[in-house]
Amino acid sequence: MIDKPGIDERLLAAEVADAWGSAVTGLVFLPVGLDGQAWAYRVETSDGERYFLKLRRGKFTPGAVQLPGFLRARGVTQVVAPIDPPAGGAAHGFGDYQLLLYPFHDGGSLWHRGLTDRQWIEYGDFLSRLHTVTPSADLPAALPVETYRSTAGERLRTLGPRAAASDILGAFWQRYGAALYQLSEAVDDLASRVTGAPHVICHADIHPGNLLADGDGPLHVVDWDGPILAPRERDLMFVYSGDFGDHPINAHRAELFRQGYGPTEPDQALLSYYRSERRLDDVAAFLASILKPEASPESRANDLHWLTRIAEAVTARPVLDPGEAG
C-alpha cells in the first residue's frame, strides 16, 4: 500500500524489538503490495541485520502463519517463512493488528525485470515441488478449499452504481462499466462449467511480483497470505497468462518452465476461469480502494492506473480464450 497505516511507528518499533528480542534502530515504510489491509516495513537492527515486517489489520489466516514453515521443513527452500518470536508462535499481536517478521532478501521483485532462463526453470521446479507436497494431517484445516464461488461479481455489482456516480470514477465507469459487467457474467458462466480436478497446495498469488531474486540468483517466494487447496491451475494461471509482469511467458519461456515443472497439460477451462476471476476480483478490490473516503490522491492515482490497465485488457478480450497460453 502507498498510504501508511494510522499507527505510531515508534510504538511499532518498540513492539518489534520486545517481541523478537532485537534492538531496532530503523523502521522504513515500504510502499509495496495492493492489499488494503496490510502494510510492509524494513526493520533495521543494531547488529546490522535487516528484516521484512508485515503488518495486518485483523488477523493473518492460519495458512499464512503455518504453511511457509511447513513447506521449508519439507525441502521447498524458495519459501520465505516468518521468524518465530522467542515467546513462541509466529504472528504477534499489536493492538488491532498482527505482525509477522521475515528475513529480508535483496534484489527486489521480478515483476519489472523478468526472470532469467535459469530462473524460469527454477520457477517450474518450485511449483512442481509445491504441488506435490502432501499436506500434514492438520494442515487442511488451516487452508481454505476451492469452491468456485467467487464474491467478485457481487462486489462489482454493489460498487458499480457508486463508481458511476463518483467524480473520480465516473468517466472510467462510463467507458468500461458495461464490459466489466459482462466479465462478471462470464465468470459465473465459467464457474458453472468447470469440472472437478485433484486439489494440491497452491500459493494462489504466484506472479513475478512475489518472486524475489538478486540478479540471476535463487528465487525467494513471498506473500503467502492466501494459500488454498485447489487444482494446480490456480497457480499455473499466473504462469500462462500475459497479465502479470512486464516479461510474460512466451514459447521459449514456456519450454524452460516445463523443464522445471515437468510435462504439463493444464486444463484450459480452469485456466480461463481463474484468469477471468482474477481480473474481476482485482477490479472489485481497486474500485473499493479508490472509493474509500480516507484514500490519498497518490493511492487513488496508483489504483486507478492498475484498474485502467485491467479494464483495457478486458475490453480487448472480454473473456479470455481457454487456449491462450505461451
C-alpha atoms as a PDB file:
ATOM      1  CA  MET A   1       0.000   0.000   0.000  1.00  0.00           C
ATOM      2  CA  ILE A   2       1.167   3.553  -0.758  1.00  0.00           C
ATOM      3  CA  ASP A   3      -0.597   5.088   2.263  1.00  0.00           C
ATOM      4  CA  LYS A   4       0.896   4.383   5.676  1.00  0.00           C
ATOM      5  CA  PRO A   5      -1.262   2.788   8.371  1.00  0.00           C
ATOM      6  CA  GLY A   6      -2.533   5.145  11.054  1.00  0.00           C
ATOM      7  CA  ILE A   7      -0.215   3.956  13.812  1.00  0.00           C
ATOM      8  CA  ASP A   8       2.581   5.338  15.983  1.00  0.00           C
ATOM      9  CA  GLU A   9       5.706   3.920  14.347  1.00  0.00           C
ATOM     10  CA  ARG A  10       7.755   4.456  17.494  1.00  0.00           C
ATOM     11  CA  LEU A  11       5.426   2.138  19.382  1.00  0.00           C
ATOM     12  CA  LEU A  12       5.569  -0.327  16.473  1.00  0.00           C
ATOM     13  CA  ALA A  13       9.378  -0.376  16.547  1.00  0.00           C
ATOM     14  CA  ALA A  14       9.358  -0.903  20.317  1.00  0.00           C
ATOM     15  CA  GLU A  15       6.860  -3.756  19.943  1.00  0.00           C
ATOM     16  CA  VAL A  16       9.016  -5.497  17.332  1.00  0.00           C
ATOM     17  CA  ALA A  17      12.118  -5.064  19.488  1.00  0.00           C
ATOM     18  CA  ASP A  18      10.371  -6.527  22.507  1.00  0.00           C
ATOM     19  CA  ALA A  19       8.671  -9.413  20.678  1.00  0.00           C
ATOM     20  CA  TRP A  20      11.679 -10.605  18.672  1.00  0.00           C
ATOM     21  CA  GLY A  21      14.437  -9.590  21.099  1.00  0.00           C
ATOM     22  CA  SER A  22      16.281  -7.285  18.698  1.00  0.00           C
ATOM     23  CA  ALA A  23      17.486  -3.703  19.187  1.00  0.00           C
ATOM     24  CA  VAL A  24      15.566  -1.922  16.413  1.00  0.00           C
ATOM     25  CA  THR A  25      17.445   1.113  15.077  1.00  0.00           C
ATOM     26  CA  GLY A  26      15.335   1.818  11.998  1.00  0.00           C
ATOM     27  CA  LEU A  27      11.845   1.244  10.651  1.00  0.00           C
ATOM     28  CA  VAL A  28      11.366   2.139   6.978  1.00  0.00           C
ATOM     29  CA  PHE A  29       7.903   2.071   5.388  1.00  0.00           C
ATOM     30  CA  LEU A  30       7.808   0.157   2.090  1.00  0.00           C
ATOM     31  CA  PRO A  31       5.005   1.194  -0.311  1.00  0.00           C
ATOM     32  CA  VAL A  32       4.560  -2.282  -1.801  1.00  0.00           C
ATOM     33  CA  GLY A  33       1.611  -4.578  -2.391  1.00  0.00           C
ATOM     34  CA  LEU A  34      -2.028  -3.912  -3.191  1.00  0.00           C
ATOM     35  CA  ASP A  35      -3.700  -5.397  -0.113  1.00  0.00           C
ATOM     36  CA  GLY A  36      -5.711  -2.636   1.551  1.00  0.00           C
ATOM     37  CA  GLN A  37      -5.436  -4.330   4.958  1.00  0.00           C
ATOM     38  CA  ALA A  38      -1.673  -4.974   5.003  1.00  0.00           C
ATOM     39  CA  TRP A  39       1.469  -2.824   5.133  1.00  0.00           C
ATOM     40  CA  ALA A  40       5.199  -3.515   4.989  1.00  0.00           C
ATOM     41  CA  TYR A  41       8.309  -2.150   6.683  1.00  0.00           C
ATOM     42  CA  ARG A  42      12.024  -2.823   6.552  1.00  0.00           C
ATOM     43  CA  VAL A  43      13.359  -3.313  10.067  1.00  0.00           C
ATOM     44  CA  GLU A  44      16.991  -2.426  10.802  1.00  0.00           C
ATOM     45  CA  THR A  45      18.727  -3.608  13.973  1.00  0.00           C
ATOM     46  CA  SER A  46      21.827  -2.595  15.900  1.00  0.00           C
ATOM     47  CA  ASP A  47      23.756  -5.676  14.754  1.00  0.00           C
ATOM     48  CA  GLY A  48      23.368  -4.665  11.104  1.00  0.00           C
ATOM     49  CA  GLU A  49      20.620  -7.159  10.270  1.00  0.00           C
ATOM     50  CA  ARG A  50      17.533  -6.288   8.215  1.00  0.00           C
ATOM     51  CA  TYR A  51      14.105  -7.873   8.313  1.00  0.00           C
ATOM     52  CA  PHE A  52      10.808  -7.560   6.447  1.00  0.00           C
ATOM     53  CA  LEU A  53       7.851  -6.741   8.688  1.00  0.00           C
ATOM     54  CA  LYS A  54       4.276  -7.280   7.581  1.00  0.00           C
ATOM     55  CA  LEU A  55       1.523  -5.526   9.498  1.00  0.00           C
ATOM     56  CA  ARG A  56      -2.082  -6.632   9.001  1.00  0.00           C
ATOM     57  CA  ARG A  57      -5.277  -5.115  10.342  1.00  0.00           C
ATOM     58  CA  GLY A  58      -7.078  -8.020  11.962  1.00  0.00           C
ATOM     59  CA  LYS A  59      -5.518 -11.467  11.808  1.00  0.00           C
ATOM     60  CA  PHE A  60      -3.447 -13.384   9.320  1.00  0.00           C
ATOM     61  CA  THR A  61      -5.055 -16.542   8.016  1.00  0.00           C
ATOM     62  CA  PRO A  62      -3.907 -19.775   9.685  1.00  0.00           C
ATOM     63  CA  GLY A  63      -2.402 -20.843   6.370  1.00  0.00           C
ATOM     64  CA  ALA A  64      -0.274 -17.701   6.134  1.00  0.00           C
ATOM     65  CA  VAL A  65       1.140 -18.445   9.581  1.00  0.00           C
ATOM     66  CA  GLN A  66       1.549 -22.229   9.383  1.00  0.00           C
ATOM     67  CA  LEU A  67       2.178 -23.178   5.758  1.00  0.00           C
ATOM     68  CA  PRO A  68       5.518 -21.443   4.943  1.00  0.00           C
ATOM     69  CA  GLY A  69       7.406 -23.117   7.795  1.00  0.00           C
ATOM     70  CA  PHE A  70       5.780 -26.457   6.964  1.00  0.00           C
ATOM     71  CA  LEU A  71       6.966 -26.206   3.359  1.00  0.00           C
ATOM     72  CA  ARG A  72      10.526 -25.208   4.235  1.00  0.00           C
ATOM     73  CA  ALA A  73      10.736 -28.161   6.612  1.00  0.00           C
ATOM     74  CA  ARG A  74       9.903 -30.378   3.622  1.00  0.00           C
ATOM     75  CA  GLY A  75      12.659 -29.025   1.444  1.00  0.00           C
ATOM     76  CA  VAL A  76      10.861 -26.306  -0.534  1.00  0.00           C
ATOM     77  CA  THR A  77      13.716 -23.901   0.102  1.00  0.00           C
ATOM     78  CA  GLN A  78      12.426 -20.996  -2.008  1.00  0.00           C
ATOM     79  CA  VAL A  79       9.706 -20.305   0.561  1.00  0.00           C
ATOM     80  CA  VAL A  80      10.265 -17.250   2.750  1.00  0.00           C
ATOM     81  CA  ALA A  81       8.803 -18.178   6.135  1.00  0.00           C
ATOM     82  CA  PRO A  82       8.126 -15.957   9.158  1.00  0.00           C
ATOM     83  CA  ILE A  83      10.547 -15.899  12.065  1.00  0.00           C
ATOM     84  CA  ASP A  84       9.023 -17.162  15.299  1.00  0.00           C
ATOM     85  CA  PRO A  85       9.349 -14.786  18.289  1.00  0.00           C
ATOM     86  CA  PRO A  86      11.257 -16.280  21.256  1.00  0.00           C
ATOM     87  CA  ALA A  87       7.988 -16.500  23.203  1.00  0.00           C
ATOM     88  CA  GLY A  88       6.578 -18.852  20.541  1.00  0.00           C
ATOM     89  CA  GLY A  89       4.134 -18.673  17.694  1.00  0.00           C
ATOM     90  CA  ALA A  90       4.714 -16.723  14.509  1.00  0.00           C
ATOM     91  CA  ALA A  91       2.132 -13.920  14.479  1.00  0.00           C
ATOM     92  CA  HIS A  92       2.358 -11.297  17.208  1.00  0.00           C
ATOM     93  CA  GLY A  93      -0.492  -9.028  18.273  1.00  0.00           C
ATOM     94  CA  PHE A  94      -0.197  -5.240  18.185  1.00  0.00           C
ATOM     95  CA  GLY A  95      -3.471  -3.563  19.114  1.00  0.00           C
ATOM     96  CA  ASP A  96      -5.918  -4.134  16.264  1.00  0.00           C
ATOM     97  CA  TYR A  97      -3.117  -5.540  14.111  1.00  0.00           C
ATOM     98  CA  GLN A  98      -0.952  -8.620  13.814  1.00  0.00           C
ATOM     99  CA  LEU A  99       2.728  -8.704  12.915  1.00  0.00           C
ATOM    100  CA  LEU A 100       4.830 -11.224  11.018  1.00  0.00           C
ATOM    101  CA  LEU A 101       8.609 -10.798  10.735  1.00  0.00           C
ATOM    102  CA  TYR A 102      10.574 -12.344   7.848  1.00  0.00           C
ATOM    103  CA  PRO A 103      14.157 -12.468   6.613  1.00  0.00           C
ATOM    104  CA  PHE A 104      14.919  -9.585   4.262  1.00  0.00           C
ATOM    105  CA  HIS A 105      16.124 -10.537   0.771  1.00  0.00           C
ATOM    106  CA  ASP A 106      17.963  -8.143  -1.521  1.00  0.00           C
ATOM    107  CA  GLY A 107      17.318  -7.787  -5.225  1.00  0.00           C
ATOM    108  CA  GLY A 108      13.636  -6.920  -5.298  1.00  0.00           C
ATOM    109  CA  SER A 109      10.767  -8.482  -7.204  1.00  0.00           C
ATOM    110  CA  LEU A 110      10.910  -9.764 -10.772  1.00  0.00           C
ATOM    111  CA  TRP A 111       7.740  -8.000 -11.960  1.00  0.00           C
ATOM    112  CA  HIS A 112       9.658  -5.413 -13.992  1.00  0.00           C
ATOM    113  CA  ARG A 113      12.986  -7.221 -14.562  1.00  0.00           C
ATOM    114  CA  GLY A 114      11.556 -10.573 -15.527  1.00  0.00           C
ATOM    115  CA  LEU A 115      13.073 -13.988 -14.899  1.00  0.00           C
ATOM    116  CA  THR A 116      16.325 -15.200 -16.434  1.00  0.00           C
ATOM    117  CA  ASP A 117      16.361 -18.512 -18.290  1.00  0.00           C
ATOM    118  CA  ARG A 118      17.729 -20.265 -15.210  1.00  0.00           C
ATOM    119  CA  GLN A 119      15.032 -18.692 -13.026  1.00  0.00           C
ATOM    120  CA  TRP A 120      12.234 -19.812 -15.376  1.00  0.00           C
ATOM    121  CA  ILE A 121      13.428 -23.389 -14.853  1.00  0.00           C
ATOM    122  CA  GLU A 122      13.565 -22.842 -11.092  1.00  0.00           C
ATOM    123  CA  TYR A 123      10.088 -21.295 -11.181  1.00  0.00           C
ATOM    124  CA  GLY A 124       8.797 -24.523 -12.703  1.00  0.00           C
ATOM    125  CA  ASP A 125      10.749 -26.674 -10.252  1.00  0.00           C
ATOM    126  CA  PHE A 126       9.408 -24.690  -7.303  1.00  0.00           C
ATOM    127  CA  LEU A 127       5.777 -25.068  -8.368  1.00  0.00           C
ATOM    128  CA  SER A 128       6.288 -28.752  -9.097  1.00  0.00           C
ATOM    129  CA  ARG A 129       7.657 -29.283  -5.584  1.00  0.00           C
ATOM    130  CA  LEU A 130       4.860 -27.218  -4.047  1.00  0.00           C
ATOM    131  CA  HIS A 131       2.126 -29.084  -5.915  1.00  0.00           C
ATOM    132  CA  THR A 132       3.473 -32.497  -4.906  1.00  0.00           C
ATOM    133  CA  VAL A 133       3.865 -31.815  -1.172  1.00  0.00           C
ATOM    134  CA  THR A 134       1.478 -33.969   0.844  1.00  0.00           C
ATOM    135  CA  PRO A 135      -0.325 -31.885   3.485  1.00  0.00           C
ATOM    136  CA  SER A 136       0.071 -32.980   7.091  1.00  0.00           C
ATOM    137  CA  ALA A 137      -2.990 -34.260   8.944  1.00  0.00           C
ATOM    138  CA  ASP A 138      -3.766 -30.860  10.484  1.00  0.00           C
ATOM    139  CA  LEU A 139      -2.853 -28.613   7.537  1.00  0.00           C
ATOM    140  CA  PRO A 140      -6.108 -28.966   5.549  1.00  0.00           C
ATOM    141  CA  ALA A 141      -7.958 -27.386   8.469  1.00  0.00           C
ATOM    142  CA  ALA A 142      -5.745 -24.305   8.101  1.00  0.00           C
ATOM    143  CA  LEU A 143      -6.290 -23.918   4.356  1.00  0.00           C
ATOM    144  CA  PRO A 144      -9.485 -22.991   2.513  1.00  0.00           C
ATOM    145  CA  VAL A 145     -10.684 -25.324  -0.234  1.00  0.00           C
ATOM    146  CA  GLU A 146     -11.631 -24.196  -3.732  1.00  0.00           C
ATOM    147  CA  THR A 147     -15.395 -23.864  -4.207  1.00  0.00           C
ATOM    148  CA  TYR A 148     -15.572 -21.827  -7.473  1.00  0.00           C
ATOM    149  CA  ARG A 149     -17.962 -19.483  -5.676  1.00  0.00           C
ATOM    150  CA  SER A 150     -16.310 -16.101  -6.165  1.00  0.00           C
ATOM    151  CA  THR A 151     -17.592 -12.990  -4.390  1.00  0.00           C
ATOM    152  CA  ALA A 152     -16.036 -10.707  -7.001  1.00  0.00           C
ATOM    153  CA  GLY A 153     -19.139 -10.390  -9.180  1.00  0.00           C
ATOM    154  CA  GLU A 154     -21.377  -9.435  -6.265  1.00  0.00           C
ATOM    155  CA  ARG A 155     -18.832  -6.878  -5.086  1.00  0.00           C
ATOM    156  CA  LEU A 156     -18.607  -5.388  -8.568  1.00  0.00           C
ATOM    157  CA  ARG A 157     -22.382  -5.110  -8.874  1.00  0.00           C
ATOM    158  CA  THR A 158     -22.552  -3.395  -5.480  1.00  0.00           C
ATOM    159  CA  LEU A 159     -19.778  -0.926  -6.294  1.00  0.00           C
ATOM    160  CA  GLY A 160     -20.843  -0.182  -9.873  1.00  0.00           C
ATOM    161  CA  PRO A 161     -23.530   2.437  -9.065  1.00  0.00           C
ATOM    162  CA  ARG A 162     -21.158   4.182  -6.646  1.00  0.00           C
ATOM    163  CA  ALA A 163     -18.429   4.244  -9.285  1.00  0.00           C
ATOM    164  CA  ALA A 164     -20.818   5.654 -11.878  1.00  0.00           C
ATOM    165  CA  ALA A 165     -21.811   8.484  -9.512  1.00  0.00           C
ATOM    166  CA  SER A 166     -18.235   9.203  -8.392  1.00  0.00           C
ATOM    167  CA  ASP A 167     -16.346  12.285  -9.567  1.00  0.00           C
ATOM    168  CA  ILE A 168     -13.179  10.189  -9.605  1.00  0.00           C
ATOM    169  CA  LEU A 169     -14.542   7.099 -11.372  1.00  0.00           C
ATOM    170  CA  GLY A 170     -17.496   8.418 -13.350  1.00  0.00           C
ATOM    171  CA  ALA A 171     -15.667   8.734 -16.686  1.00  0.00           C
ATOM    172  CA  PHE A 172     -13.939   5.407 -16.149  1.00  0.00           C
ATOM    173  CA  TRP A 173     -17.220   3.643 -15.456  1.00  0.00           C
ATOM    174  CA  GLN A 174     -18.948   5.187 -18.438  1.00  0.00           C
ATOM    175  CA  ARG A 175     -16.200   3.797 -20.682  1.00  0.00           C
ATOM    176  CA  TYR A 176     -15.636   0.377 -19.118  1.00  0.00           C
ATOM    177  CA  GLY A 177     -18.630  -0.428 -16.905  1.00  0.00           C
ATOM    178  CA  ALA A 178     -20.552  -2.464 -19.490  1.00  0.00           C
ATOM    179  CA  ALA A 179     -17.510  -4.634 -20.297  1.00  0.00           C
ATOM    180  CA  LEU A 180     -16.886  -5.255 -16.593  1.00  0.00           C
ATOM    181  CA  TYR A 181     -20.482  -6.345 -16.054  1.00  0.00           C
ATOM    182  CA  GLN A 182     -20.079  -8.722 -18.998  1.00  0.00           C
ATOM    183  CA  LEU A 183     -16.909 -10.090 -17.383  1.00  0.00           C
ATOM    184  CA  SER A 184     -18.877 -10.754 -14.200  1.00  0.00           C
ATOM    185  CA  GLU A 185     -21.454 -12.753 -16.137  1.00  0.00           C
ATOM    186  CA  ALA A 186     -18.714 -14.657 -17.951  1.00  0.00           C
ATOM    187  CA  VAL A 187     -17.055 -15.648 -14.673  1.00  0.00           C
ATOM    188  CA  ASP A 188     -20.356 -17.024 -13.385  1.00  0.00           C
ATOM    189  CA  ASP A 189     -20.768 -18.992 -16.603  1.00  0.00           C
ATOM    190  CA  LEU A 190     -17.205 -20.380 -16.483  1.00  0.00           C
ATOM    191  CA  ALA A 191     -17.663 -21.391 -12.849  1.00  0.00           C
ATOM    192  CA  SER A 192     -20.764 -23.381 -13.765  1.00  0.00           C
ATOM    193  CA  ARG A 193     -18.830 -25.312 -16.424  1.00  0.00           C
ATOM    194  CA  VAL A 194     -15.586 -26.251 -14.655  1.00  0.00           C
ATOM    195  CA  THR A 195     -15.162 -29.888 -13.729  1.00  0.00           C
ATOM    196  CA  GLY A 196     -13.600 -31.332 -10.613  1.00  0.00           C
ATOM    197  CA  ALA A 197      -9.828 -31.750 -10.506  1.00  0.00           C
ATOM    198  CA  PRO A 198      -7.389 -33.016  -7.855  1.00  0.00           C
ATOM    199  CA  HIS A 199      -6.528 -30.440  -5.219  1.00  0.00           C
ATOM    200  CA  VAL A 200      -2.954 -29.509  -4.337  1.00  0.00           C
ATOM    201  CA  ILE A 201      -1.390 -26.862  -2.132  1.00  0.00           C
ATOM    202  CA  CYS A 202      -1.432 -23.594  -4.102  1.00  0.00           C
ATOM    203  CA  HIS A 203       0.278 -20.309  -3.295  1.00  0.00           C
ATOM    204  CA  ALA A 204      -2.630 -18.558  -5.093  1.00  0.00           C
ATOM    205  CA  ASP A 205      -0.731 -15.350  -5.950  1.00  0.00           C
ATOM    206  CA  ILE A 206       2.449 -16.658  -7.525  1.00  0.00           C
ATOM    207  CA  HIS A 207       3.129 -13.883 -10.057  1.00  0.00           C
ATOM    208  CA  PRO A 208       6.603 -12.369 -10.670  1.00  0.00           C
ATOM    209  CA  GLY A 209       5.905  -9.603  -8.163  1.00  0.00           C
ATOM    210  CA  ASN A 210       6.065 -12.225  -5.413  1.00  0.00           C
ATOM    211  CA  LEU A 211       9.314 -13.723  -6.707  1.00  0.00           C
ATOM    212  CA  LEU A 212      12.431 -12.041  -5.316  1.00  0.00           C
ATOM    213  CA  ALA A 213      15.967 -12.563  -6.595  1.00  0.00           C
ATOM    214  CA  ASP A 214      19.334 -10.831  -6.635  1.00  0.00           C
ATOM    215  CA  GLY A 215      20.421 -10.864 -10.274  1.00  0.00           C
ATOM    216  CA  ASP A 216      20.385 -14.438 -11.595  1.00  0.00           C
ATOM    217  CA  GLY A 217      20.394 -15.757  -8.036  1.00  0.00           C
ATOM    218  CA  PRO A 218      17.958 -18.174  -6.419  1.00  0.00           C
ATOM    219  CA  LEU A 219      14.268 -17.354  -6.159  1.00  0.00           C
ATOM    220  CA  HIS A 220      12.662 -16.346  -2.873  1.00  0.00           C
ATOM    221  CA  VAL A 221       8.862 -16.727  -2.830  1.00  0.00           C
ATOM    222  CA  VAL A 222       6.966 -14.276  -0.622  1.00  0.00           C
ATOM    223  CA  ASP A 223       3.389 -13.224   0.203  1.00  0.00           C
ATOM    224  CA  TRP A 224       1.863 -16.452   1.493  1.00  0.00           C
ATOM    225  CA  ASP A 225      -1.228 -14.619   2.742  1.00  0.00           C
ATOM    226  CA  GLY A 226      -3.845 -16.640   0.827  1.00  0.00           C
ATOM    227  CA  PRO A 227      -2.791 -20.247   0.184  1.00  0.00           C
ATOM    228  CA  ILE A 228      -5.544 -22.651  -0.802  1.00  0.00           C
ATOM    229  CA  LEU A 229      -6.190 -26.289  -1.647  1.00  0.00           C
ATOM    230  CA  ALA A 230      -7.184 -26.114  -5.303  1.00  0.00           C
ATOM    231  CA  PRO A 231      -6.396 -27.508  -8.749  1.00  0.00           C
ATOM    232  CA  ARG A 232      -2.841 -26.730  -9.863  1.00  0.00           C
ATOM    233  CA  GLU A 233      -4.295 -24.364 -12.475  1.00  0.00           C
ATOM    234  CA  ARG A 234      -4.922 -21.933  -9.601  1.00  0.00           C
ATOM    235  CA  ASP A 235      -1.162 -21.280  -9.666  1.00  0.00           C
ATOM    236  CA  LEU A 236      -0.424 -22.125 -13.300  1.00  0.00           C
ATOM    237  CA  MET A 237      -2.793 -19.325 -14.321  1.00  0.00           C
ATOM    238  CA  PHE A 238      -0.088 -16.840 -13.293  1.00  0.00           C
ATOM    239  CA  VAL A 239       2.469 -18.643 -15.435  1.00  0.00           C
ATOM    240  CA  TYR A 240       0.392 -18.970 -18.606  1.00  0.00           C
ATOM    241  CA  SER A 241      -1.228 -15.532 -18.554  1.00  0.00           C
ATOM    242  CA  GLY A 242       0.092 -12.327 -20.064  1.00  0.00           C
ATOM    243  CA  ASP A 243      -1.476 -10.223 -17.310  1.00  0.00           C
ATOM    244  CA  PHE A 244       1.321 -10.486 -14.756  1.00  0.00           C
ATOM    245  CA  GLY A 245       4.691  -8.809 -15.056  1.00  0.00           C
ATOM    246  CA  ASP A 246       6.419  -6.893 -17.824  1.00  0.00           C
ATOM    247  CA  HIS A 247       8.028 -10.019 -19.326  1.00  0.00           C
ATOM    248  CA  PRO A 248       5.289 -12.681 -19.514  1.00  0.00           C
ATOM    249  CA  ILE A 249       5.634 -16.176 -20.851  1.00  0.00           C
ATOM    250  CA  ASN A 250       6.380 -16.898 -24.496  1.00  0.00           C
ATOM    251  CA  ALA A 251       7.245 -20.127 -26.309  1.00  0.00           C
ATOM    252  CA  HIS A 252      10.880 -20.082 -25.139  1.00  0.00           C
ATOM    253  CA  ARG A 253       9.989 -19.341 -21.519  1.00  0.00           C
ATOM    254  CA  ALA A 254       7.218 -21.941 -21.565  1.00  0.00           C
ATOM    255  CA  GLU A 255       9.750 -24.598 -22.575  1.00  0.00           C
ATOM    256  CA  LEU A 256      12.097 -23.515 -19.766  1.00  0.00           C
ATOM    257  CA  PHE A 257       9.232 -23.630 -17.258  1.00  0.00           C
ATOM    258  CA  ARG A 258       8.320 -27.156 -18.384  1.00  0.00           C
ATOM    259  CA  GLN A 259      11.921 -28.255 -17.864  1.00  0.00           C
ATOM    260  CA  GLY A 260      11.455 -27.440 -14.206  1.00  0.00           C
ATOM    261  CA  TYR A 261       7.804 -28.376 -13.736  1.00  0.00           C
ATOM    262  CA  GLY A 262       7.701 -31.438 -15.930  1.00  0.00           C
ATOM    263  CA  PRO A 263       5.324 -32.289 -18.787  1.00  0.00           C
ATOM    264  CA  THR A 264       2.098 -30.457 -18.136  1.00  0.00           C
ATOM    265  CA  GLU A 265      -1.162 -30.001 -20.000  1.00  0.00           C
ATOM    266  CA  PRO A 266      -3.203 -27.597 -17.855  1.00  0.00           C
ATOM    267  CA  ASP A 267      -6.979 -27.771 -18.045  1.00  0.00           C
ATOM    268  CA  GLN A 268      -7.765 -24.857 -20.345  1.00  0.00           C
ATOM    269  CA  ALA A 269     -11.267 -24.312 -18.953  1.00  0.00           C
ATOM    270  CA  LEU A 270      -9.839 -23.968 -15.449  1.00  0.00           C
ATOM    271  CA  LEU A 271      -7.139 -21.603 -16.676  1.00  0.00           C
ATOM    272  CA  SER A 272      -9.766 -19.447 -18.358  1.00  0.00           C
ATOM    273  CA  TYR A 273     -11.912 -19.375 -15.216  1.00  0.00           C
ATOM    274  CA  TYR A 274      -9.018 -18.436 -12.946  1.00  0.00           C
ATOM    275  CA  ARG A 275      -7.692 -15.752 -15.309  1.00  0.00           C
ATOM    276  CA  SER A 276     -11.109 -14.136 -15.664  1.00  0.00           C
ATOM    277  CA  GLU A 277     -11.973 -14.427 -11.969  1.00  0.00           C
ATOM    278  CA  ARG A 278      -8.666 -12.824 -11.002  1.00  0.00           C
ATOM    279  CA  ARG A 279      -9.327  -9.884 -13.295  1.00  0.00           C
ATOM    280  CA  LEU A 280     -12.792  -9.465 -11.806  1.00  0.00           C
ATOM    281  CA  ASP A 281     -11.515  -9.757  -8.239  1.00  0.00           C
ATOM    282  CA  ASP A 282      -8.798  -7.156  -8.860  1.00  0.00           C
ATOM    283  CA  VAL A 283     -11.326  -4.775 -10.423  1.00  0.00           C
ATOM    284  CA  ALA A 284     -13.617  -5.047  -7.393  1.00  0.00           C
ATOM    285  CA  ALA A 285     -10.688  -4.538  -4.998  1.00  0.00           C
ATOM    286  CA  PHE A 286      -9.401  -1.452  -6.820  1.00  0.00           C
ATOM    287  CA  LEU A 287     -12.877   0.080  -7.038  1.00  0.00           C
ATOM    288  CA  ALA A 288     -13.352  -0.376  -3.293  1.00  0.00           C
ATOM    289  CA  SER A 289      -9.929   1.120  -2.556  1.00  0.00           C
ATOM    290  CA  ILE A 290     -10.462   4.184  -4.753  1.00  0.00           C
ATOM    291  CA  LEU A 291     -13.898   4.827  -3.231  1.00  0.00           C
ATOM    292  CA  LYS A 292     -12.581   4.815   0.344  1.00  0.00           C
ATOM    293  CA  PRO A 293     -13.006   8.340   1.751  1.00  0.00           C
ATOM    294  CA  GLU A 294      -9.637   8.215   3.524  1.00  0.00           C
ATOM    295  CA  ALA A 295      -7.621   7.217   0.433  1.00  0.00           C
ATOM    296  CA  SER A 296      -4.903   9.708  -0.516  1.00  0.00           C
ATOM    297  CA  PRO A 297      -4.688  11.221  -4.018  1.00  0.00           C
ATOM    298  CA  GLU A 298      -1.463   9.272  -4.596  1.00  0.00           C
ATOM    299  CA  SER A 299      -3.080   5.998  -3.595  1.00  0.00           C
ATOM    300  CA  ARG A 300      -6.116   6.648  -5.778  1.00  0.00           C
ATOM    301  CA  ALA A 301      -3.926   7.507  -8.760  1.00  0.00           C
ATOM    302  CA  ASN A 302      -1.936   4.291  -8.333  1.00  0.00           C
ATOM    303  CA  ASP A 303      -5.084   2.175  -8.004  1.00  0.00           C
ATOM    304  CA  LEU A 304      -6.707   3.877 -10.995  1.00  0.00           C
ATOM    305  CA  HIS A 305      -3.621   3.109 -13.093  1.00  0.00           C
ATOM    306  CA  TRP A 306      -3.886  -0.615 -12.374  1.00  0.00           C
ATOM    307  CA  LEU A 307      -7.663  -0.602 -12.655  1.00  0.00           C
ATOM    308  CA  THR A 308      -7.497   1.010 -16.094  1.00  0.00           C
ATOM    309  CA  ARG A 309      -4.829  -1.446 -17.205  1.00  0.00           C
ATOM    310  CA  ILE A 310      -7.113  -4.357 -16.325  1.00  0.00           C
ATOM    311  CA  ALA A 311     -10.181  -2.733 -17.873  1.00  0.00           C
ATOM    312  CA  GLU A 312      -8.338  -2.148 -21.147  1.00  0.00           C
ATOM    313  CA  ALA A 313      -7.353  -5.808 -21.244  1.00  0.00           C
ATOM    314  CA  VAL A 314     -10.952  -6.839 -20.531  1.00  0.00           C
ATOM    315  CA  THR A 315     -12.231  -4.591 -23.308  1.00  0.00           C
ATOM    316  CA  ALA A 316      -9.708  -6.026 -25.757  1.00  0.00           C
ATOM    317  CA  ARG A 317     -10.711  -9.598 -24.857  1.00  0.00           C
ATOM    318  CA  PRO A 318     -13.787  -9.742 -22.581  1.00  0.00           C
ATOM    319  CA  VAL A 319     -13.461 -13.490 -21.962  1.00  0.00           C
ATOM    320  CA  LEU A 320     -10.004 -14.981 -22.095  1.00  0.00           C
ATOM    321  CA  ASP A 321      -9.551 -17.681 -24.693  1.00  0.00           C
ATOM    322  CA  PRO A 322      -9.185 -21.051 -22.949  1.00  0.00           C
ATOM    323  CA  GLY A 323      -6.457 -21.920 -25.430  1.00  0.00           C
ATOM    324  CA  GLU A 324      -4.355 -18.797 -24.830  1.00  0.00           C
ATOM    325  CA  ALA A 325      -1.004 -19.930 -23.425  1.00  0.00           C
ATOM    326  CA  GLY A 326       2.619 -19.262 -24.075  1.00  0.00           C
END
